[in-house]
Amino acid sequence: MRTTLTIDDDLAQRLKAEMRKRGASLKVVVGQLLRQGLDAGRRPKRRFRVKARALGVRAGVNYSKTSEMLDWLDEHA
């Protein structure tokens, strides 16, 4: 498809830099970048997983009383 596209000056400079970096024409670079942008929404997002681990129990701290625990943490931080 052939079309006319108006590109902001800042984007035009970035495109020129990308053309130099890739050693490719404007047509090729714009096509590649459009494909990447359009495909980005289709890719499944990687899930972030957190591995739980035991933190242990500290001697002398009453974990049933939050205020005491926070005080202890303030003193030992």
PDB file of N, CA and C in Angstrom:
ATOM      1  N   MET A   1       0.852  -1.170   0.000  1.00  0.00           N
ATOM      2  CA  MET A   1       0.000   0.000   0.000  1.00  0.00           C
ATOM      3  C   MET A   1       0.901   1.237   0.000  1.00  0.00           C
ATOM      4  N   ARG A   2       0.522   2.181  -0.765  1.00  0.00           N
ATOM      5  CA  ARG A   2       1.278   3.427  -0.850  1.00  0.00           C
ATOM      6  C   ARG A   2       0.436   4.518  -0.188  1.00  0.00           C
ATOM      7  N   THR A   3       1.081   5.300   0.702  1.00  0.00           N
ATOM      8  CA  THR A   3       0.340   6.346   1.403  1.00  0.00           C
ATOM      9  C   THR A   3       1.287   7.486   1.758  1.00  0.00           C
ATOM     10  N   THR A   4       0.721   8.617   2.114  1.00  0.00           N
ATOM     11  CA  THR A   4       1.492   9.759   2.588  1.00  0.00           C
ATOM     12  C   THR A   4       1.285   9.853   4.084  1.00  0.00           C
ATOM     13  N   LEU A   5       2.379  10.043   4.792  1.00  0.00           N
ATOM     14  CA  LEU A   5       2.320  10.070   6.242  1.00  0.00           C
ATOM     15  C   LEU A   5       3.079  11.292   6.741  1.00  0.00           C
ATOM     16  N   THR A   6       2.469  12.077   7.605  1.00  0.00           N
ATOM     17  CA  THR A   6       3.136  13.229   8.199  1.00  0.00           C
ATOM     18  C   THR A   6       3.723  12.784   9.537  1.00  0.00           C
ATOM     19  N   ILE A   7       5.038  12.991   9.681  1.00  0.00           N
ATOM     20  CA  ILE A   7       5.747  12.532  10.877  1.00  0.00           C
ATOM     21  C   ILE A   7       6.306  13.747  11.609  1.00  0.00           C
ATOM     22  N   ASP A   8       6.082  13.809  12.917  1.00  0.00           N
ATOM     23  CA  ASP A   8       6.633  14.896  13.729  1.00  0.00           C
ATOM     24  C   ASP A   8       8.152  14.922  13.621  1.00  0.00           C
ATOM     25  N   ASP A   9       8.725  16.124  13.784  1.00  0.00           N
ATOM     26  CA  ASP A   9      10.173  16.298  13.623  1.00  0.00           C
ATOM     27  C   ASP A   9      10.984  15.410  14.560  1.00  0.00           C
ATOM     28  N   ASP A  10      10.539  15.295  15.819  1.00  0.00           N
ATOM     29  CA  ASP A  10      11.302  14.478  16.763  1.00  0.00           C
ATOM     30  C   ASP A  10      11.293  13.010  16.355  1.00  0.00           C
ATOM     31  N   LEU A  11      10.162  12.534  15.833  1.00  0.00           N
ATOM     32  CA  LEU A  11      10.090  11.147  15.380  1.00  0.00           C
ATOM     33  C   LEU A  11      10.901  10.942  14.109  1.00  0.00           C
ATOM     34  N   ALA A  12      10.911  11.939  13.237  1.00  0.00           N
ATOM     35  CA  ALA A  12      11.694  11.839  12.001  1.00  0.00           C
ATOM     36  C   ALA A  12      13.174  11.681  12.323  1.00  0.00           C
ATOM     37  N   GLN A  13      13.656  12.415  13.318  1.00  0.00           N
ATOM     38  CA  GLN A  13      15.063  12.297  13.716  1.00  0.00           C
ATOM     39  C   GLN A  13      15.349  10.926  14.304  1.00  0.00           C
ATOM     40  N   ARG A  14      14.423  10.428  15.094  1.00  0.00           N
ATOM     41  CA  ARG A  14      14.606   9.086  15.661  1.00  0.00           C
ATOM     42  C   ARG A  14      14.590   8.023  14.572  1.00  0.00           C
ATOM     43  N   LEU A  15      13.725   8.209  13.570  1.00  0.00           N
ATOM     44  CA  LEU A  15      13.684   7.270  12.455  1.00  0.00           C
ATOM     45  C   LEU A  15      14.982   7.296  11.658  1.00  0.00           C
ATOM     46  N   LYS A  16      15.519   8.489  11.420  1.00  0.00           N
ATOM     47  CA  LYS A  16      16.786   8.602  10.687  1.00  0.00           C
ATOM     48  C   LYS A  16      17.910   7.907  11.454  1.00  0.00           C
ATOM     49  N   ALA A  17      17.926   8.090  12.755  1.00  0.00           N
ATOM     50  CA  ALA A  17      18.949   7.430  13.578  1.00  0.00           C
ATOM     51  C   ALA A  17      18.785   5.913  13.499  1.00  0.00           C
ATOM     52  N   GLU A  18      17.549   5.454  13.522  1.00  0.00           N
ATOM     53  CA  GLU A  18      17.279   4.014  13.440  1.00  0.00           C
ATOM     54  C   GLU A  18      17.669   3.472  12.069  1.00  0.00           C
ATOM     55  N   MET A  19      17.464   4.254  11.013  1.00  0.00           N
ATOM     56  CA  MET A  19      17.868   3.852   9.662  1.00  0.00           C
ATOM     57  C   MET A  19      19.386   3.673   9.587  1.00  0.00           C
ATOM     58  N   ARG A  20      20.121   4.623  10.179  1.00  0.00           N
ATOM     59  CA  ARG A  20      21.587   4.513  10.199  1.00  0.00           C
ATOM     60  C   ARG A  20      22.028   3.298  11.000  1.00  0.00           C
ATOM     61  N   LYS A  21      21.415   3.110  12.159  1.00  0.00           N
ATOM     62  CA  LYS A  21      21.769   2.005  13.039  1.00  0.00           C
ATOM     63  C   LYS A  21      21.541   0.650  12.363  1.00  0.00           C
ATOM     64  N   ARG A  22      20.401   0.518  11.678  1.00  0.00           N
ATOM     65  CA  ARG A  22      20.049  -0.758  11.040  1.00  0.00           C
ATOM     66  C   ARG A  22      20.602  -0.886   9.625  1.00  0.00           C
ATOM     67  N   GLY A  23      21.046   0.243   9.062  1.00  0.00           N
ATOM     68  CA  GLY A  23      21.517   0.214   7.684  1.00  0.00           C
ATOM     69  C   GLY A  23      20.399  -0.152   6.724  1.00  0.00           C
ATOM     70  N   ALA A  24      19.208   0.393   6.987  1.00  0.00           N
ATOM     71  CA  ALA A  24      18.031   0.045   6.193  1.00  0.00           C
ATOM     72  C   ALA A  24      17.324   1.311   5.731  1.00  0.00           C
ATOM     73  N   SER A  25      16.449   1.144   4.745  1.00  0.00           N
ATOM     74  CA  SER A  25      15.693   2.277   4.212  1.00  0.00           C
ATOM     75  C   SER A  25      14.574   2.679   5.173  1.00  0.00           C
ATOM     76  N   LEU A  26      14.016   3.855   4.906  1.00  0.00           N
ATOM     77  CA  LEU A  26      12.898   4.342   5.716  1.00  0.00           C
ATOM     78  C   LEU A  26      11.729   3.363   5.637  1.00  0.00           C
ATOM     79  N   LYS A  27      11.444   2.866   4.451  1.00  0.00           N
ATOM     80  CA  LYS A  27      10.332   1.935   4.254  1.00  0.00           C
ATOM     81  C   LYS A  27      10.507   0.682   5.126  1.00  0.00           C
ATOM     82  N   VAL A  28      11.709   0.132   5.139  1.00  0.00           N
ATOM     83  CA  VAL A  28      11.974  -1.086   5.903  1.00  0.00           C
ATOM     84  C   VAL A  28      11.863  -0.817   7.402  1.00  0.00           C
ATOM     85  N   VAL A  29      12.483   0.264   7.855  1.00  0.00           N
ATOM     86  CA  VAL A  29      12.493   0.577   9.291  1.00  0.00           C
ATOM     87  C   VAL A  29      11.081   0.866   9.791  1.00  0.00           C
ATOM     88  N   VAL A  30      10.322   1.665   9.048  1.00  0.00           N
ATOM     89  CA  VAL A  30       8.946   1.970   9.466  1.00  0.00           C
ATOM     90  C   VAL A  30       8.117   0.692   9.493  1.00  0.00           C
ATOM     91  N   GLY A  31       8.275  -0.157   8.496  1.00  0.00           N
ATOM     92  CA  GLY A  31       7.538  -1.418   8.470  1.00  0.00           C
ATOM     93  C   GLY A  31       7.861  -2.293   9.669  1.00  0.00           C
ATOM     94  N   GLN A  32       9.167  -2.401   9.990  1.00  0.00           N
ATOM     95  CA  GLN A  32       9.571  -3.227  11.137  1.00  0.00           C
ATOM     96  C   GLN A  32       9.016  -2.668  12.444  1.00  0.00           C
ATOM     97  N   LEU A  33       9.125  -1.351  12.610  1.00  0.00           N
ATOM     98  CA  LEU A  33       8.650  -0.740  13.849  1.00  0.00           C
ATOM     99  C   LEU A  33       7.126  -0.827  13.985  1.00  0.00           C
ATOM    100  N   LEU A  34       6.414  -0.673  12.886  1.00  0.00           N
ATOM    101  CA  LEU A  34       4.957  -0.825  12.942  1.00  0.00           C
ATOM    102  C   LEU A  34       4.573  -2.248  13.310  1.00  0.00           C
ATOM    103  N   ARG A  35       5.262  -3.239  12.719  1.00  0.00           N
ATOM    104  CA  ARG A  35       4.972  -4.636  13.072  1.00  0.00           C
ATOM    105  C   ARG A  35       5.219  -4.885  14.559  1.00  0.00           C
ATOM    106  N   GLN A  36       6.361  -4.381  15.059  1.00  0.00           N
ATOM    107  CA  GLN A  36       6.670  -4.573  16.487  1.00  0.00           C
ATOM    108  C   GLN A  36       5.594  -3.946  17.357  1.00  0.00           C
ATOM    109  N   GLY A  37       5.191  -2.739  17.035  1.00  0.00           N
ATOM    110  CA  GLY A  37       4.182  -2.043  17.832  1.00  0.00           C
ATOM    111  C   GLY A  37       2.831  -2.733  17.791  1.00  0.00           C
ATOM    112  N   LEU A  38       2.417  -3.162  16.596  1.00  0.00           N
ATOM    113  CA  LEU A  38       1.123  -3.823  16.474  1.00  0.00           C
ATOM    114  C   LEU A  38       1.135  -5.207  17.107  1.00  0.00           C
ATOM    115  N   ASP A  39       2.264  -5.902  17.028  1.00  0.00           N
ATOM    116  CA  ASP A  39       2.353  -7.235  17.623  1.00  0.00           C
ATOM    117  C   ASP A  39       2.492  -7.196  19.140  1.00  0.00           C
ATOM    118  N   ALA A  40       2.951  -6.080  19.692  1.00  0.00           N
ATOM    119  CA  ALA A  40       3.195  -5.993  21.132  1.00  0.00           C
ATOM    120  C   ALA A  40       1.936  -6.254  21.943  1.00  0.00           C
ATOM    121  N   GLY A  41       0.798  -5.818  21.456  1.00  0.00           N
ATOM    122  CA  GLY A  41      -0.457  -6.026  22.186  1.00  0.00           C
ATOM    123  C   GLY A  41      -0.967  -7.450  22.094  1.00  0.00           C
ATOM    124  N   ARG A  42      -0.465  -8.224  21.146  1.00  0.00           N
ATOM    125  CA  ARG A  42      -0.943  -9.594  20.951  1.00  0.00           C
ATOM    126  C   ARG A  42      -0.163 -10.616  21.743  1.00  0.00           C
ATOM    127  N   ARG A  43       1.060 -10.297  22.090  1.00  0.00           N
ATOM    128  CA  ARG A  43       1.895 -11.258  22.796  1.00  0.00           C
ATOM    129  C   ARG A  43       1.375 -11.465  24.212  1.00  0.00           C
ATOM    130  N   PRO A  44       1.344 -12.708  24.658  1.00  0.00           N
ATOM    131  CA  PRO A  44       0.947 -12.924  26.055  1.00  0.00           C
ATOM    132  C   PRO A  44       1.990 -12.315  26.983  1.00  0.00           C
ATOM    133  N   LYS A  45       1.523 -11.667  27.992  1.00  0.00           N
ATOM    134  CA  LYS A  45       2.438 -11.036  28.949  1.00  0.00           C
ATOM    135  C   LYS A  45       3.036 -12.098  29.854  1.00  0.00           C
ATOM    136  N   ARG A  46       4.323 -11.923  30.148  1.00  0.00           N
ATOM    137  CA  ARG A  46       4.974 -12.861  31.054  1.00  0.00           C
ATOM    138  C   ARG A  46       4.458 -12.626  32.462  1.00  0.00           C
ATOM    139  N   ARG A  47       4.163 -13.701  33.126  1.00  0.00           N
ATOM    140  CA  ARG A  47       3.673 -13.590  34.497  1.00  0.00           C
ATOM    141  C   ARG A  47       4.837 -13.388  35.438  1.00  0.00           C
ATOM    142  N   PHE A  48       4.605 -12.581  36.431  1.00  0.00           N
ATOM    143  CA  PHE A  48       5.597 -12.331  37.467  1.00  0.00           C
ATOM    144  C   PHE A  48       5.297 -13.289  38.612  1.00  0.00           C
ATOM    145  N   ARG A  49       6.259 -14.088  38.960  1.00  0.00           N
ATOM    146  CA  ARG A  49       6.053 -15.070  40.030  1.00  0.00           C
ATOM    147  C   ARG A  49       6.930 -14.723  41.230  1.00  0.00           C
ATOM    148  N   VAL A  50       6.358 -14.901  42.389  1.00  0.00           N
ATOM    149  CA  VAL A  50       7.081 -14.673  43.637  1.00  0.00           C
ATOM    150  C   VAL A  50       7.195 -16.015  44.339  1.00  0.00           C
ATOM    151  N   LYS A  51       8.404 -16.378  44.694  1.00  0.00           N
ATOM    152  CA  LYS A  51       8.598 -17.624  45.424  1.00  0.00           C
ATOM    153  C   LYS A  51       8.561 -17.317  46.922  1.00  0.00           C
ATOM    154  N   ALA A  52       7.657 -17.952  47.605  1.00  0.00           N
ATOM    155  CA  ALA A  52       7.534 -17.753  49.046  1.00  0.00           C
ATOM    156  C   ALA A  52       8.646 -18.519  49.753  1.00  0.00           C
ATOM    157  N   ARG A  53       9.117 -17.948  50.812  1.00  0.00           N
ATOM    158  CA  ARG A  53      10.112 -18.651  51.620  1.00  0.00           C
ATOM    159  C   ARG A  53       9.892 -18.286  53.071  1.00  0.00           C
ATOM    160  N   ALA A  54      10.255 -19.200  53.934  1.00  0.00           N
ATOM    161  CA  ALA A  54      10.076 -18.978  55.369  1.00  0.00           C
ATOM    162  C   ALA A  54      11.055 -17.923  55.850  1.00  0.00           C
ATOM    163  N   LEU A  55      10.565 -17.006  56.639  1.00  0.00           N
ATOM    164  CA  LEU A  55      11.418 -15.963  57.198  1.00  0.00           C
ATOM    165  C   LEU A  55      11.887 -16.302  58.603  1.00  0.00           C
ATOM    166  N   GLY A  56      11.290 -17.300  59.166  1.00  0.00           N
ATOM    167  CA  GLY A  56      11.694 -17.702  60.507  1.00  0.00           C
ATOM    168  C   GLY A  56      11.041 -16.855  61.579  1.00  0.00           C
ATOM    169  N   VAL A  57      11.210 -17.276  62.807  1.00  0.00           N
ATOM    170  CA  VAL A  57      10.645 -16.564  63.955  1.00  0.00           C
ATOM    171  C   VAL A  57      11.799 -16.047  64.800  1.00  0.00           C
ATOM    172  N   ARG A  58      11.733 -14.779  65.170  1.00  0.00           N
ATOM    173  CA  ARG A  58      12.780 -14.165  65.995  1.00  0.00           C
ATOM    174  C   ARG A  58      12.446 -14.334  67.471  1.00  0.00           C
ATOM    175  N   ALA A  59      13.428 -14.709  68.240  1.00  0.00           N
ATOM    176  CA  ALA A  59      13.229 -14.891  69.676  1.00  0.00           C
ATOM    177  C   ALA A  59      12.946 -13.541  70.337  1.00  0.00           C
ATOM    178  N   GLY A  60      12.027 -13.526  71.253  1.00  0.00           N
ATOM    179  CA  GLY A  60      11.738 -12.327  72.013  1.00  0.00           C
ATOM    180  C   GLY A  60      10.726 -11.401  71.369  1.00  0.00           C
ATOM    181  N   VAL A  61      10.175 -11.766  70.240  1.00  0.00           N
ATOM    182  CA  VAL A  61       9.192 -10.913  69.569  1.00  0.00           C
ATOM    183  C   VAL A  61       7.843 -11.601  69.613  1.00  0.00           C
ATOM    184  N   ASN A  62       6.835 -10.858  70.067  1.00  0.00           N
ATOM    185  CA  ASN A  62       5.480 -11.383  70.118  1.00  0.00           C
ATOM    186  C   ASN A  62       4.787 -11.017  68.802  1.00  0.00           C
ATOM    187  N   TYR A  63       4.657 -11.982  67.920  1.00  0.00           N
ATOM    188  CA  TYR A  63       4.107 -11.720  66.592  1.00  0.00           C
ATOM    189  C   TYR A  63       2.600 -11.502  66.599  1.00  0.00           C
ATOM    190  N   SER A  64       1.962 -11.731  67.688  1.00  0.00           N
ATOM    191  CA  SER A  64       0.523 -11.501  67.746  1.00  0.00           C
ATOM    192  C   SER A  64       0.214 -10.032  68.033  1.00  0.00           C
ATOM    193  N   LYS A  65       1.214  -9.253  68.367  1.00  0.00           N
ATOM    194  CA  LYS A  65       1.008  -7.834  68.638  1.00  0.00           C
ATOM    195  C   LYS A  65       1.800  -7.016  67.617  1.00  0.00           C
ATOM    196  N   THR A  66       1.115  -6.495  66.663  1.00  0.00           N
ATOM    197  CA  THR A  66       1.746  -5.790  65.554  1.00  0.00           C
ATOM    198  C   THR A  66       2.570  -4.593  66.017  1.00  0.00           C
ATOM    199  N   SER A  67       2.059  -3.845  66.974  1.00  0.00           N
ATOM    200  CA  SER A  67       2.783  -2.646  67.414  1.00  0.00           C
ATOM    201  C   SER A  67       4.129  -3.014  68.034  1.00  0.00           C
ATOM    202  N   GLU A  68       4.174  -4.100  68.767  1.00  0.00           N
ATOM    203  CA  GLU A  68       5.451  -4.546  69.350  1.00  0.00           C
ATOM    204  C   GLU A  68       6.418  -4.956  68.241  1.00  0.00           C
ATOM    205  N   MET A  69       5.906  -5.619  67.235  1.00  0.00           N
ATOM    206  CA  MET A  69       6.748  -6.054  66.139  1.00  0.00           C
ATOM    207  C   MET A  69       7.311  -4.842  65.389  1.00  0.00           C
ATOM    208  N   LEU A  70       6.492  -3.852  65.141  1.00  0.00           N
ATOM    209  CA  LEU A  70       6.955  -2.643  64.446  1.00  0.00           C
ATOM    210  C   LEU A  70       8.001  -1.902  65.287  1.00  0.00           C
ATOM    211  N   ASP A  71       7.786  -1.835  66.591  1.00  0.00           N
ATOM    212  CA  ASP A  71       8.781  -1.211  67.465  1.00  0.00           C
ATOM    213  C   ASP A  71      10.111  -1.949  67.387  1.00  0.00           C
ATOM    214  N   TRP A  72      10.048  -3.279  67.410  1.00  0.00           N
ATOM    215  CA  TRP A  72      11.262  -4.086  67.339  1.00  0.00           C
ATOM    216  C   TRP A  72      11.979  -3.848  66.018  1.00  0.00           C
ATOM    217  N   LEU A  73      11.226  -3.797  64.932  1.00  0.00           N
ATOM    218  CA  LEU A  73      11.825  -3.548  63.627  1.00  0.00           C
ATOM    219  C   LEU A  73      12.485  -2.180  63.552  1.00  0.00           C
ATOM    220  N   ASP A  74      11.847  -1.162  64.150  1.00  0.00           N
ATOM    221  CA  ASP A  74      12.440   0.178  64.182  1.00  0.00           C
ATOM    222  C   ASP A  74      13.781   0.172  64.911  1.00  0.00           C
ATOM    223  N   GLU A  75      13.841  -0.559  66.006  1.00  0.00           N
ATOM    224  CA  GLU A  75      15.065  -0.595  66.809  1.00  0.00           C
ATOM    225  C   GLU A  75      16.187  -1.341  66.095  1.00  0.00           C
ATOM    226  N   HIS A  76      15.852  -2.359  65.310  1.00  0.00           N
ATOM    227  CA  HIS A  76      16.862  -3.223  64.711  1.00  0.00           C
ATOM    228  C   HIS A  76      17.081  -2.987  63.213  1.00  0.00           C
ATOM    229  N   ALA A  77      16.537  -1.933  62.676  1.00  0.00           N
ATOM    230  CA  ALA A  77      16.684  -1.668  61.245  1.00  0.00           C
ATOM    231  C   ALA A  77      17.951  -0.908  60.941  1.00  0.00           C
TER     232      ALA A  77
END
